[in-house]
C-alpha atoms as a PDB file:
ATOM      1  CA  UNK A   1     149.168  58.116 103.452  1.00  0.00           C
ATOM      2  CA  UNK A   2     150.123  60.113 106.568  1.00  0.00           C
ATOM      3  CA  UNK A   3     148.790  58.795 109.840  1.00  0.00           C
ATOM      4  CA  UNK A   4     146.996  61.137 112.182  1.00  0.00           C
ATOM      5  CA  UNK A   5     149.011  61.677 115.402  1.00  0.00           C
ATOM      6  CA  UNK A   6     147.546  60.328 118.631  1.00  0.00           C
ATOM      7  CA  UNK A   7     146.140  62.877 121.067  1.00  0.00           C
ATOM      8  CA  UNK A   8     149.121  62.312 123.368  1.00  0.00           C
ATOM      9  CA  UNK A   9     151.502  63.302 120.586  1.00  0.00           C
ATOM     10  CA  UNK A  10     149.440  66.368 119.710  1.00  0.00           C
ATOM     11  CA  UNK A  11     149.134  67.418 123.367  1.00  0.00           C
ATOM     12  CA  UNK A  12     152.865  67.351 124.006  1.00  0.00           C
ATOM     13  CA  UNK A  13     153.603  69.330 120.840  1.00  0.00           C
ATOM     14  CA  UNK A  14     150.987  72.050 121.480  1.00  0.00           C
ATOM     15  CA  UNK A  15     152.284  73.091 124.878  1.00  0.00           C
ATOM     16  CA  UNK A  16     155.673  73.595 126.450  1.00  0.00           C
ATOM     17  CA  UNK A  17     156.396  70.428 128.397  1.00  0.00           C
ATOM     18  CA  UNK A  18     159.017  68.893 130.652  1.00  0.00           C
ATOM     19  CA  UNK A  19     159.683  65.397 131.939  1.00  0.00           C
ATOM     20  CA  UNK A  20     159.300  64.580 135.650  1.00  0.00           C
ATOM     21  CA  UNK A  21     163.056  64.005 135.869  1.00  0.00           C
ATOM     22  CA  UNK A  22     163.921  67.473 134.527  1.00  0.00           C
ATOM     23  CA  UNK A  23     165.272  69.879 137.133  1.00  0.00           C
ATOM     24  CA  UNK A  24     163.471  72.931 138.480  1.00  0.00           C
ATOM     25  CA  UNK A  25     166.184  75.047 136.855  1.00  0.00           C
ATOM     26  CA  UNK A  26     165.589  73.455 133.445  1.00  0.00           C
ATOM     27  CA  UNK A  27     161.822  73.945 133.821  1.00  0.00           C
ATOM     28  CA  UNK A  28     162.244  77.613 134.732  1.00  0.00           C
ATOM     29  CA  UNK A  29     164.517  78.141 131.718  1.00  0.00           C
ATOM     30  CA  UNK A  30     161.930  76.513 129.445  1.00  0.00           C
ATOM     31  CA  UNK A  31     159.237  78.810 130.890  1.00  0.00           C
ATOM     32  CA  UNK A  32     161.385  81.839 130.139  1.00  0.00           C
ATOM     33  CA  UNK A  33     162.171  80.632 126.621  1.00  0.00           C
ATOM     34  CA  UNK A  34     158.503  80.007 125.782  1.00  0.00           C
ATOM     35  CA  UNK A  35     157.184  82.963 127.803  1.00  0.00           C
ATOM     36  CA  UNK A  36     154.767  80.793 129.836  1.00  0.00           C
ATOM     37  CA  UNK A  37     154.064  80.334 133.540  1.00  0.00           C
ATOM     38  CA  UNK A  38     152.748  76.783 133.337  1.00  0.00           C
ATOM     39  CA  UNK A  39     154.298  73.635 131.869  1.00  0.00           C
ATOM     40  CA  UNK A  40     152.800  70.254 131.213  1.00  0.00           C
ATOM     41  CA  UNK A  41     154.711  67.369 132.754  1.00  0.00           C
ATOM     42  CA  UNK A  42     154.633  64.405 130.392  1.00  0.00           C
ATOM     43  CA  UNK A  43     155.778  60.800 130.590  1.00  0.00           C
ATOM     44  CA  UNK A  44     157.860  58.957 128.034  1.00  0.00           C
ATOM     45  CA  UNK A  45     154.770  58.116 125.964  1.00  0.00           C
ATOM     46  CA  UNK A  46     153.706  61.766 125.867  1.00  0.00           C
ATOM     47  CA  UNK A  47     150.814  61.351 128.310  1.00  0.00           C
ATOM     48  CA  UNK A  48     150.097  64.190 130.703  1.00  0.00           C
ATOM     49  CA  UNK A  49     151.234  63.333 134.234  1.00  0.00           C
ATOM     50  CA  UNK A  50     150.672  66.751 135.753  1.00  0.00           C
ATOM     51  CA  UNK A  51     151.410  70.461 135.642  1.00  0.00           C
ATOM     52  CA  UNK A  52     154.113  72.602 137.150  1.00  0.00           C
ATOM     53  CA  UNK A  53     153.728  76.341 137.576  1.00  0.00           C
ATOM     54  CA  UNK A  54     156.226  79.105 138.058  1.00  0.00           C
ATOM     55  CA  UNK A  55     154.830  79.440 141.580  1.00  0.00           C
ATOM     56  CA  UNK A  56     155.580  75.751 142.321  1.00  0.00           C
ATOM     57  CA  UNK A  57     159.148  76.176 141.141  1.00  0.00           C
ATOM     58  CA  UNK A  58     159.850  79.397 143.004  1.00  0.00           C
ATOM     59  CA  UNK A  59     158.376  78.006 146.238  1.00  0.00           C
ATOM     60  CA  UNK A  60     160.776  75.033 146.078  1.00  0.00           C
ATOM     61  CA  UNK A  61     163.739  77.006 144.718  1.00  0.00           C
ATOM     62  CA  UNK A  62     165.539  77.566 148.048  1.00  0.00           C
ATOM     63  CA  UNK A  63     165.527  73.851 148.800  1.00  0.00           C
ATOM     64  CA  UNK A  64     167.363  72.781 145.651  1.00  0.00           C
ATOM     65  CA  UNK A  65     167.091  74.270 142.141  1.00  0.00           C
ATOM     66  CA  UNK A  66     168.416  70.970 140.767  1.00  0.00           C
ATOM     67  CA  UNK A  67     165.591  68.934 142.342  1.00  0.00           C
ATOM     68  CA  UNK A  68     163.338  67.062 139.898  1.00  0.00           C
ATOM     69  CA  UNK A  69     160.082  68.607 138.725  1.00  0.00           C
ATOM     70  CA  UNK A  70     158.209  65.505 139.953  1.00  0.00           C
ATOM     71  CA  UNK A  71     158.654  66.691 143.536  1.00  0.00           C
ATOM     72  CA  UNK A  72     156.625  69.876 143.065  1.00  0.00           C
ATOM     73  CA  UNK A  73     154.247  69.199 140.180  1.00  0.00           C
ATOM     74  CA  UNK A  74     150.489  69.001 140.594  1.00  0.00           C
ATOM     75  CA  UNK A  75     149.525  65.515 139.472  1.00  0.00           C
ATOM     76  CA  UNK A  76     146.798  64.951 136.901  1.00  0.00           C
ATOM     77  CA  UNK A  77     143.912  62.818 138.134  1.00  0.00           C
ATOM     78  CA  UNK A  78     142.112  60.093 136.252  1.00  0.00           C
ATOM     79  CA  UNK A  79     140.051  61.651 133.455  1.00  0.00           C
ATOM     80  CA  UNK A  80     136.418  62.170 134.365  1.00  0.00           C
ATOM     81  CA  UNK A  81     136.731  60.757 137.884  1.00  0.00           C
ATOM     82  CA  UNK A  82     136.437  64.087 139.703  1.00  0.00           C
ATOM     83  CA  UNK A  83     133.669  65.308 137.443  1.00  0.00           C
ATOM     84  CA  UNK A  84     131.649  62.122 137.939  1.00  0.00           C
ATOM     85  CA  UNK A  85     131.964  62.424 141.728  1.00  0.00           C
ATOM     86  CA  UNK A  86     130.871  66.062 141.668  1.00  0.00           C
ATOM     87  CA  UNK A  87     127.918  65.223 139.433  1.00  0.00           C
ATOM     88  CA  UNK A  88     126.881  62.351 141.734  1.00  0.00           C
ATOM     89  CA  UNK A  89     126.990  64.568 144.839  1.00  0.00           C
ATOM     90  CA  UNK A  90     124.887  67.226 143.113  1.00  0.00           C
ATOM     91  CA  UNK A  91     122.307  64.602 142.166  1.00  0.00           C
ATOM     92  CA  UNK A  92     122.213  63.144 145.676  1.00  0.00           C
ATOM     93  CA  UNK A  93     121.790  66.611 147.187  1.00  0.00           C
ATOM     94  CA  UNK A  94     119.048  67.646 144.748  1.00  0.00           C
ATOM     95  CA  UNK A  95     115.608  68.011 146.239  1.00  0.00           C
ATOM     96  CA  UNK A  96     112.428  67.059 144.381  1.00  0.00           C
ATOM     97  CA  UNK A  97     110.590  69.919 142.714  1.00  0.00           C
ATOM     98  CA  UNK A  98     108.316  71.684 145.204  1.00  0.00           C
ATOM     99  CA  UNK A  99     110.038  70.209 148.284  1.00  0.00           C
ATOM    100  CA  UNK A 100     111.608  72.429 150.815  1.00  0.00           C
END
């Protein structure tokens, strides 16, 4: 019986991804090859660490095209943490019906 792949394995195979240690040059080449402007940055276990865009890469290009992607990627936050905070602030700011 075939086992169902974990979501981390599925995630990294659905999108073009790079490792944080890959260079900006390698990431840009992968973007060109896959015709995308955004890459997922994954760890060794396949978990999403962040995203790197073409804009991130080009902004850092003059510094060093062989710099690691980890220096320019947007890091992924803890799942649900930001949403929970936003929901809490909306609830705290809500006024009772008829007040105002």
